[in-house]
């Protein structure tokens, strides 16, 4: 997605009718550099109720505008799909999935869109229906903060 892509254009590209609430939610999501939760959207958009946000997230998932991330925090996170994203497609595109990173210090979850998930060969008879590849540790900002603290000591 380019910087000049508007929420309305993105919705139309994914065959989603651009209502005022959908445009507002998508514009908010486009402002995030990391993954976001239902709760974080609810906190940012005080005038939009939780059920409307949830229904919109579900619609966006169905139309491959966003993808869901289970980062192990018991709260699903969501991120905008890149233009070349194949998440949720059942065309055998598992080798096109990317990894995610959850920072154990700040709690943010990031898409590592240039880091593909490893392809795993399963024994005969097994069929993969979903892949969730989340790395955990410290994000660059938290790692730098930790390094600076250690150096000062």
C-alpha atoms as a PDB file:
ATOM      1  CA  UNK A   1       0.000   0.000   0.000  1.00  0.00           C
ATOM      2  CA  UNK A   2       1.393   3.372  -0.954  1.00  0.00           C
ATOM      3  CA  UNK A   3       1.250   6.484   1.192  1.00  0.00           C
ATOM      4  CA  UNK A   4      -1.208   8.011  -1.284  1.00  0.00           C
ATOM      5  CA  UNK A   5      -3.748   5.181  -1.057  1.00  0.00           C
ATOM      6  CA  UNK A   6      -6.860   6.481   0.648  1.00  0.00           C
ATOM      7  CA  UNK A   7      -9.080   4.368   2.894  1.00  0.00           C
ATOM      8  CA  UNK A   8     -11.875   4.701   0.332  1.00  0.00           C
ATOM      9  CA  UNK A   9      -9.645   3.386  -2.487  1.00  0.00           C
ATOM     10  CA  UNK A  10      -8.444   0.499  -0.349  1.00  0.00           C
ATOM     11  CA  UNK A  11     -11.994  -0.487   0.614  1.00  0.00           C
ATOM     12  CA  UNK A  12     -13.150  -0.365  -3.003  1.00  0.00           C
ATOM     13  CA  UNK A  13     -10.126  -2.418  -4.120  1.00  0.00           C
ATOM     14  CA  UNK A  14     -11.265  -5.142  -1.701  1.00  0.00           C
ATOM     15  CA  UNK A  15     -14.946  -4.919  -2.695  1.00  0.00           C
ATOM     16  CA  UNK A  16     -16.026  -3.374   0.617  1.00  0.00           C
ATOM     17  CA  UNK A  17     -18.602  -0.579   0.561  1.00  0.00           C
ATOM     18  CA  UNK A  18     -16.896   2.550   2.009  1.00  0.00           C
ATOM     19  CA  UNK A  19     -19.282   3.608   4.782  1.00  0.00           C
ATOM     20  CA  UNK A  20     -18.334   6.404   7.183  1.00  0.00           C
ATOM     21  CA  UNK A  21     -17.514   3.985  10.029  1.00  0.00           C
ATOM     22  CA  UNK A  22     -15.438   1.668   7.813  1.00  0.00           C
ATOM     23  CA  UNK A  23     -13.455   4.616   6.461  1.00  0.00           C
ATOM     24  CA  UNK A  24     -12.898   5.928  10.005  1.00  0.00           C
ATOM     25  CA  UNK A  25     -11.733   2.516  11.262  1.00  0.00           C
ATOM     26  CA  UNK A  26      -9.472   1.907   8.275  1.00  0.00           C
ATOM     27  CA  UNK A  27      -7.953   5.401   8.545  1.00  0.00           C
ATOM     28  CA  UNK A  28      -7.215   4.691  12.223  1.00  0.00           C
ATOM     29  CA  UNK A  29      -5.665   1.320  11.363  1.00  0.00           C
ATOM     30  CA  UNK A  30      -3.516   2.919   8.652  1.00  0.00           C
ATOM     31  CA  UNK A  31      -2.050   5.162  11.349  1.00  0.00           C
ATOM     32  CA  UNK A  32      -0.645   2.186  13.270  1.00  0.00           C
ATOM     33  CA  UNK A  33       2.949   1.047  12.771  1.00  0.00           C
ATOM     34  CA  UNK A  34       2.332  -2.101  14.797  1.00  0.00           C
ATOM     35  CA  UNK A  35      -0.540  -4.533  15.290  1.00  0.00           C
ATOM     36  CA  UNK A  36      -3.614  -3.337  17.164  1.00  0.00           C
ATOM     37  CA  UNK A  37      -6.274  -5.019  19.276  1.00  0.00           C
ATOM     38  CA  UNK A  38     -10.026  -4.583  19.433  1.00  0.00           C
ATOM     39  CA  UNK A  39      -9.505  -2.839  22.782  1.00  0.00           C
ATOM     40  CA  UNK A  40      -6.937  -0.394  21.390  1.00  0.00           C
ATOM     41  CA  UNK A  41      -9.308   0.555  18.570  1.00  0.00           C
ATOM     42  CA  UNK A  42     -12.147   0.950  21.055  1.00  0.00           C
ATOM     43  CA  UNK A  43      -9.945   3.245  23.185  1.00  0.00           C
ATOM     44  CA  UNK A  44      -8.993   5.360  20.152  1.00  0.00           C
ATOM     45  CA  UNK A  45     -12.500   5.574  18.729  1.00  0.00           C
ATOM     46  CA  UNK A  46     -14.646   6.446  21.726  1.00  0.00           C
ATOM     47  CA  UNK A  47     -17.645   7.305  19.524  1.00  0.00           C
ATOM     48  CA  UNK A  48     -17.780   3.853  17.902  1.00  0.00           C
ATOM     49  CA  UNK A  49     -19.194   0.988  19.962  1.00  0.00           C
ATOM     50  CA  UNK A  50     -17.351  -2.306  20.494  1.00  0.00           C
ATOM     51  CA  UNK A  51     -19.790  -4.443  18.494  1.00  0.00           C
ATOM     52  CA  UNK A  52     -19.494  -2.170  15.435  1.00  0.00           C
ATOM     53  CA  UNK A  53     -15.691  -2.336  15.624  1.00  0.00           C
ATOM     54  CA  UNK A  54     -15.837  -6.140  15.987  1.00  0.00           C
ATOM     55  CA  UNK A  55     -18.205  -6.535  13.023  1.00  0.00           C
ATOM     56  CA  UNK A  56     -15.971  -4.284  10.919  1.00  0.00           C
ATOM     57  CA  UNK A  57     -12.842  -6.245  11.878  1.00  0.00           C
ATOM     58  CA  UNK A  58     -14.637  -9.449  10.869  1.00  0.00           C
ATOM     59  CA  UNK A  59     -15.623  -7.929   7.519  1.00  0.00           C
ATOM     60  CA  UNK A  60     -12.080  -6.685   6.911  1.00  0.00           C
ATOM     61  CA  UNK A  61     -10.715 -10.158   7.723  1.00  0.00           C
ATOM     62  CA  UNK A  62     -13.137 -11.780   5.269  1.00  0.00           C
ATOM     63  CA  UNK A  63     -12.033  -9.393   2.514  1.00  0.00           C
ATOM     64  CA  UNK A  64      -8.284  -9.745   3.287  1.00  0.00           C
ATOM     65  CA  UNK A  65      -7.820  -6.095   4.271  1.00  0.00           C
ATOM     66  CA  UNK A  66      -6.343  -7.160   7.617  1.00  0.00           C
ATOM     67  CA  UNK A  67      -5.002 -10.349   9.135  1.00  0.00           C
ATOM     68  CA  UNK A  68      -5.332 -11.667  12.684  1.00  0.00           C
ATOM     69  CA  UNK A  69      -2.381 -12.513  14.905  1.00  0.00           C
ATOM     70  CA  UNK A  70      -2.445 -14.769  17.950  1.00  0.00           C
ATOM     71  CA  UNK A  71       0.608 -13.446  19.789  1.00  0.00           C
ATOM     72  CA  UNK A  72       0.009 -15.488  22.939  1.00  0.00           C
ATOM     73  CA  UNK A  73      -1.365 -12.576  25.005  1.00  0.00           C
ATOM     74  CA  UNK A  74      -4.941 -13.953  24.953  1.00  0.00           C
ATOM     75  CA  UNK A  75      -6.001 -10.894  22.933  1.00  0.00           C
ATOM     76  CA  UNK A  76      -6.088 -11.140  19.151  1.00  0.00           C
ATOM     77  CA  UNK A  77      -4.100  -8.487  17.327  1.00  0.00           C
ATOM     78  CA  UNK A  78      -4.778  -7.272  13.806  1.00  0.00           C
ATOM     79  CA  UNK A  79      -2.611  -5.686  11.128  1.00  0.00           C
ATOM     80  CA  UNK A  80      -3.247  -4.245   7.707  1.00  0.00           C
ATOM     81  CA  UNK A  81      -2.363  -6.569   4.875  1.00  0.00           C
ATOM     82  CA  UNK A  82       0.340  -5.519   2.453  1.00  0.00           C
ATOM     83  CA  UNK A  83      -0.741  -5.338  -1.199  1.00  0.00           C
ATOM     84  CA  UNK A  84       0.971  -8.680  -1.905  1.00  0.00           C
ATOM     85  CA  UNK A  85      -0.422 -10.414   1.185  1.00  0.00           C
ATOM     86  CA  UNK A  86      -2.054 -13.824   0.685  1.00  0.00           C
ATOM     87  CA  UNK A  87      -3.305 -14.392   4.227  1.00  0.00           C
ATOM     88  CA  UNK A  88      -6.544 -16.266   4.514  1.00  0.00           C
ATOM     89  CA  UNK A  89      -6.469 -17.427   0.924  1.00  0.00           C
ATOM     90  CA  UNK A  90      -6.905 -21.152   0.467  1.00  0.00           C
ATOM     91  CA  UNK A  91      -4.748 -21.321  -2.652  1.00  0.00           C
ATOM     92  CA  UNK A  92      -1.852 -23.119  -1.025  1.00  0.00           C
ATOM     93  CA  UNK A  93      -0.084 -19.853  -0.233  1.00  0.00           C
ATOM     94  CA  UNK A  94       1.300 -20.962   3.135  1.00  0.00           C
ATOM     95  CA  UNK A  95       4.818 -20.349   1.820  1.00  0.00           C
ATOM     96  CA  UNK A  96       3.858 -16.670   1.380  1.00  0.00           C
ATOM     97  CA  UNK A  97       2.997 -16.081   5.048  1.00  0.00           C
ATOM     98  CA  UNK A  98       5.181 -13.833   7.164  1.00  0.00           C
ATOM     99  CA  UNK A  99       6.349 -13.939  10.757  1.00  0.00           C
ATOM    100  CA  UNK A 100       5.299 -11.674  13.632  1.00  0.00           C
ATOM    101  CA  UNK A 101       7.283 -10.406  16.596  1.00  0.00           C
ATOM    102  CA  UNK A 102       5.880  -9.777  20.080  1.00  0.00           C
ATOM    103  CA  UNK A 103       7.968  -7.557  22.369  1.00  0.00           C
ATOM    104  CA  UNK A 104       7.900  -8.925  25.903  1.00  0.00           C
ATOM    105  CA  UNK A 105       8.779  -5.537  27.372  1.00  0.00           C
ATOM    106  CA  UNK A 106       6.454  -3.002  25.686  1.00  0.00           C
ATOM    107  CA  UNK A 107       3.786  -5.506  24.629  1.00  0.00           C
ATOM    108  CA  UNK A 108       3.662  -4.398  20.986  1.00  0.00           C
ATOM    109  CA  UNK A 109       3.289  -6.920  18.186  1.00  0.00           C
ATOM    110  CA  UNK A 110       4.849  -6.237  14.788  1.00  0.00           C
ATOM    111  CA  UNK A 111       4.484  -7.786  11.330  1.00  0.00           C
ATOM    112  CA  UNK A 112       7.808  -8.914   9.945  1.00  0.00           C
ATOM    113  CA  UNK A 113       6.537  -8.768   6.384  1.00  0.00           C
ATOM    114  CA  UNK A 114       9.946  -9.517   4.873  1.00  0.00           C
ATOM    115  CA  UNK A 115      10.473 -12.572   7.108  1.00  0.00           C
ATOM    116  CA  UNK A 116       8.636 -15.572   5.697  1.00  0.00           C
ATOM    117  CA  UNK A 117       7.554 -18.410   7.906  1.00  0.00           C
ATOM    118  CA  UNK A 118       9.606 -21.570   7.420  1.00  0.00           C
ATOM    119  CA  UNK A 119       7.937 -24.269   5.378  1.00  0.00           C
ATOM    120  CA  UNK A 120       7.549 -27.418   7.430  1.00  0.00           C
ATOM    121  CA  UNK A 121       7.170 -30.811   5.804  1.00  0.00           C
ATOM    122  CA  UNK A 122       4.638 -32.919   7.686  1.00  0.00           C
ATOM    123  CA  UNK A 123       4.267 -36.675   7.704  1.00  0.00           C
ATOM    124  CA  UNK A 124       1.778 -38.166   5.255  1.00  0.00           C
ATOM    125  CA  UNK A 125      -1.862 -37.667   6.230  1.00  0.00           C
ATOM    126  CA  UNK A 126      -1.421 -34.337   8.021  1.00  0.00           C
ATOM    127  CA  UNK A 127      -2.944 -31.234   6.462  1.00  0.00           C
ATOM    128  CA  UNK A 128      -2.089 -27.683   7.554  1.00  0.00           C
ATOM    129  CA  UNK A 129      -5.064 -25.352   7.939  1.00  0.00           C
ATOM    130  CA  UNK A 130      -3.345 -22.450   9.688  1.00  0.00           C
ATOM    131  CA  UNK A 131       0.124 -21.177  10.520  1.00  0.00           C
ATOM    132  CA  UNK A 132       0.946 -18.882  13.429  1.00  0.00           C
ATOM    133  CA  UNK A 133       4.588 -17.924  13.618  1.00  0.00           C
ATOM    134  CA  UNK A 134       5.339 -15.462  16.430  1.00  0.00           C
ATOM    135  CA  UNK A 135       8.824 -14.674  17.656  1.00  0.00           C
ATOM    136  CA  UNK A 136       9.152 -13.180  21.139  1.00  0.00           C
ATOM    137  CA  UNK A 137      11.828 -11.019  22.676  1.00  0.00           C
ATOM    138  CA  UNK A 138      12.717  -7.324  22.681  1.00  0.00           C
ATOM    139  CA  UNK A 139      11.873  -4.918  19.846  1.00  0.00           C
ATOM    140  CA  UNK A 140      14.677  -2.595  18.672  1.00  0.00           C
ATOM    141  CA  UNK A 141      13.548   0.291  20.901  1.00  0.00           C
ATOM    142  CA  UNK A 142      13.298  -1.863  24.033  1.00  0.00           C
ATOM    143  CA  UNK A 143      16.574  -3.675  23.253  1.00  0.00           C
ATOM    144  CA  UNK A 144      18.322  -0.326  22.844  1.00  0.00           C
ATOM    145  CA  UNK A 145      16.805   0.931  26.109  1.00  0.00           C
ATOM    146  CA  UNK A 146      17.950  -2.235  27.904  1.00  0.00           C
ATOM    147  CA  UNK A 147      21.464  -1.949  26.409  1.00  0.00           C
ATOM    148  CA  UNK A 148      21.686   1.722  27.461  1.00  0.00           C
ATOM    149  CA  UNK A 149      20.622   0.836  31.030  1.00  0.00           C
ATOM    150  CA  UNK A 150      23.227  -1.946  31.216  1.00  0.00           C
ATOM    151  CA  UNK A 151      25.967   0.381  29.913  1.00  0.00           C
ATOM    152  CA  UNK A 152      25.125   3.040  32.525  1.00  0.00           C
ATOM    153  CA  UNK A 153      25.327   0.580  35.408  1.00  0.00           C
END
